[in-house]
Amino acid sequence: GCPQGSNNYMTSDIKTLLDMVHQELPLGQRGWQAVHVKFCQWVKVNRWLECKVSLLETKFKQLVKTTKPTGDGVCPPEVTCALHIDQLINECTGTHDLDDMDFNGIEDDDNHSIVSDPIQDESDHTSPPIQ
């Protein structure tokens, strides 16, 4: 849970939060409120103090924005999971990151420019499972 005055979450808190965000895939405040209700139920069972809905959303967004560590370059599993969930949320909203290839025209045999459909191309990819 979120002990009063604490800035840190325990590993079990983060895993639970990520599981609930993955189940809900919140697109807005209503979705985050649903995550908050579920998290508060979990918190009561585990005898932690409740925290505000904004803190849960902020923690998730902090995980998503965590930069890849230098050195060994291994991303923590909770960050990898948060990035995967964020990708699923973006797919639900119809948003996606654009690659340079999305803007490059491809020429066919008659030297006509063809622009690929990034949304169609992206739908052919499957997301990795969350562990």
Protein backbone atom coordinates (compact mmCIF):
# COMPACT_ATOMS: atom_id res chain seq x y z
CA GLY A 1 0.00 0.00 0.00
CA CYS A 2 0.97 3.60 0.36
CA PRO A 3 2.09 4.15 3.95
CA GLN A 4 1.53 7.76 4.92
CA GLY A 5 4.61 9.85 4.17
CA SER A 6 6.24 7.08 2.14
CA ASN A 7 7.40 7.66 -1.41
CA ASN A 8 8.19 4.02 -2.12
CA TYR A 9 6.02 1.13 -3.16
CA MET A 10 6.85 -2.44 -2.29
CA THR A 11 7.35 -4.95 -5.11
CA SER A 12 4.01 -6.61 -4.28
CA ASP A 13 2.27 -3.21 -4.50
CA ILE A 14 3.72 -2.52 -7.93
CA LYS A 15 2.88 -5.99 -9.22
CA THR A 16 -0.69 -5.65 -7.95
CA LEU A 17 -1.01 -2.18 -9.45
CA LEU A 18 0.29 -3.39 -12.81
CA ASP A 19 -2.07 -6.38 -12.77
CA MET A 20 -5.04 -4.10 -12.08
CA VAL A 21 -4.02 -1.56 -14.71
CA HIS A 22 -3.60 -4.42 -17.20
CA GLN A 23 -7.10 -5.71 -16.38
CA GLU A 24 -8.70 -2.27 -16.66
CA LEU A 25 -6.56 -0.58 -19.37
CA PRO A 26 -7.71 2.84 -18.11
CA LEU A 27 -8.28 5.38 -20.87
CA GLY A 28 -9.24 8.25 -18.62
CA GLN A 29 -10.23 9.30 -15.13
CA ARG A 30 -13.10 6.80 -14.95
CA GLY A 31 -10.72 3.94 -15.73
CA TRP A 32 -8.21 5.11 -13.14
CA GLN A 33 -11.04 5.36 -10.61
CA ALA A 34 -11.87 1.69 -11.30
CA VAL A 35 -8.20 0.78 -10.76
CA HIS A 36 -8.26 2.77 -7.52
CA VAL A 37 -11.36 0.94 -6.22
CA LYS A 38 -9.77 -2.46 -6.93
CA PHE A 39 -6.45 -1.39 -5.42
CA CYS A 40 -8.19 -0.10 -2.27
CA GLN A 41 -9.92 -3.46 -1.86
CA TRP A 42 -6.53 -5.17 -2.11
CA VAL A 43 -5.03 -2.65 0.31
CA LYS A 44 -7.70 -3.36 2.94
CA VAL A 45 -7.09 -7.11 2.74
CA ASN A 46 -3.33 -6.56 3.06
CA ARG A 47 -3.74 -3.98 5.86
CA TRP A 48 -2.08 -1.07 4.12
CA LEU A 49 -3.20 2.54 4.11
CA GLU A 50 -5.23 3.71 1.14
CA CYS A 51 -3.79 6.25 -1.25
CA LYS A 52 -5.28 8.72 -3.72
CA VAL A 53 -6.18 7.69 -7.25
CA SER A 54 -3.76 10.29 -8.62
CA LEU A 55 -0.86 8.59 -6.81
CA LEU A 56 -1.60 5.26 -8.51
CA GLU A 57 -1.76 6.88 -11.94
CA THR A 58 1.43 8.83 -11.23
CA LYS A 59 3.28 5.69 -10.13
CA PHE A 60 2.25 3.87 -13.32
CA LYS A 61 3.33 6.81 -15.48
CA GLN A 62 6.67 7.00 -13.61
CA LEU A 63 7.30 3.36 -14.47
CA VAL A 64 6.45 4.01 -18.14
CA LYS A 65 8.79 7.00 -18.30
CA THR A 66 11.69 5.22 -16.60
CA THR A 67 14.71 5.36 -18.90
CA LYS A 68 16.69 2.27 -19.76
CA PRO A 69 19.63 1.92 -17.37
CA THR A 70 23.12 2.38 -18.69
CA GLY A 71 25.73 -0.30 -18.28
CA ASP A 72 24.15 -3.75 -18.45
CA GLY A 73 21.09 -2.25 -20.17
CA VAL A 74 18.65 -4.63 -18.51
CA CYS A 75 15.29 -3.01 -17.93
CA PRO A 76 13.62 -3.90 -14.61
CA PRO A 77 10.70 -6.34 -15.10
CA GLU A 78 8.13 -3.94 -13.64
CA VAL A 79 9.20 -1.26 -16.14
CA THR A 80 9.01 -3.74 -19.04
CA CYS A 81 5.54 -4.77 -17.88
CA ALA A 82 4.41 -1.12 -17.52
CA LEU A 83 5.66 -0.35 -21.04
CA HIS A 84 3.73 -3.33 -22.41
CA ILE A 85 0.54 -2.24 -20.61
CA ASP A 86 1.02 1.34 -21.84
CA GLN A 87 1.30 -0.01 -25.39
CA LEU A 88 -2.00 -1.89 -24.90
CA ILE A 89 -3.65 1.28 -23.59
CA ASN A 90 -2.38 3.22 -26.61
CA GLU A 91 -3.71 0.51 -28.94
CA CYS A 92 -7.14 0.87 -27.30
CA THR A 93 -7.09 4.61 -27.93
CA GLY A 94 -5.86 4.22 -31.48
CA THR A 95 -2.56 6.00 -30.84
CA HIS A 96 0.87 4.69 -31.64
CA ASP A 97 4.44 5.88 -31.97
CA LEU A 98 5.50 6.78 -35.47
CA ASP A 99 8.71 5.40 -36.92
CA ASP A 100 10.61 7.18 -39.67
CA MET A 101 9.43 4.44 -42.04
CA ASP A 102 5.85 5.67 -41.53
CA PHE A 103 6.79 8.82 -43.43
CA ASN A 104 8.93 7.28 -46.15
CA GLY A 105 7.25 6.47 -49.42
CA ILE A 106 8.00 3.14 -51.03
CA GLU A 107 8.24 2.97 -54.80
CA ASP A 108 6.59 0.19 -56.76
CA ASP A 109 7.88 -1.31 -60.04
CA ASP A 110 6.59 1.69 -62.04
CA ASN A 111 8.39 4.23 -59.80
CA HIS A 112 5.10 5.35 -58.22
CA SER A 113 5.31 6.35 -54.59
CA ILE A 114 3.38 4.12 -52.23
CA VAL A 115 2.91 5.04 -48.58
CA SER A 116 2.48 2.13 -46.22
CA ASP A 117 -0.43 2.06 -43.78
CA PRO A 118 1.25 2.07 -40.34
CA ILE A 119 -1.94 1.08 -38.52
CA GLN A 120 -2.45 -1.95 -40.77
CA ASP A 121 1.23 -2.85 -40.54
CA GLU A 122 1.18 -2.55 -36.76
CA SER A 123 -1.88 -4.78 -36.34
CA ASP A 124 0.14 -7.70 -37.71
CA HIS A 125 2.36 -7.68 -34.60
CA THR A 126 1.42 -9.48 -31.42
CA SER A 127 2.28 -8.20 -27.98
CA PRO A 128 4.61 -10.19 -25.74
CA PRO A 129 3.00 -11.92 -22.75
CA ILE A 130 3.27 -10.31 -19.33
CA GLN A 131 5.22 -12.40 -16.87
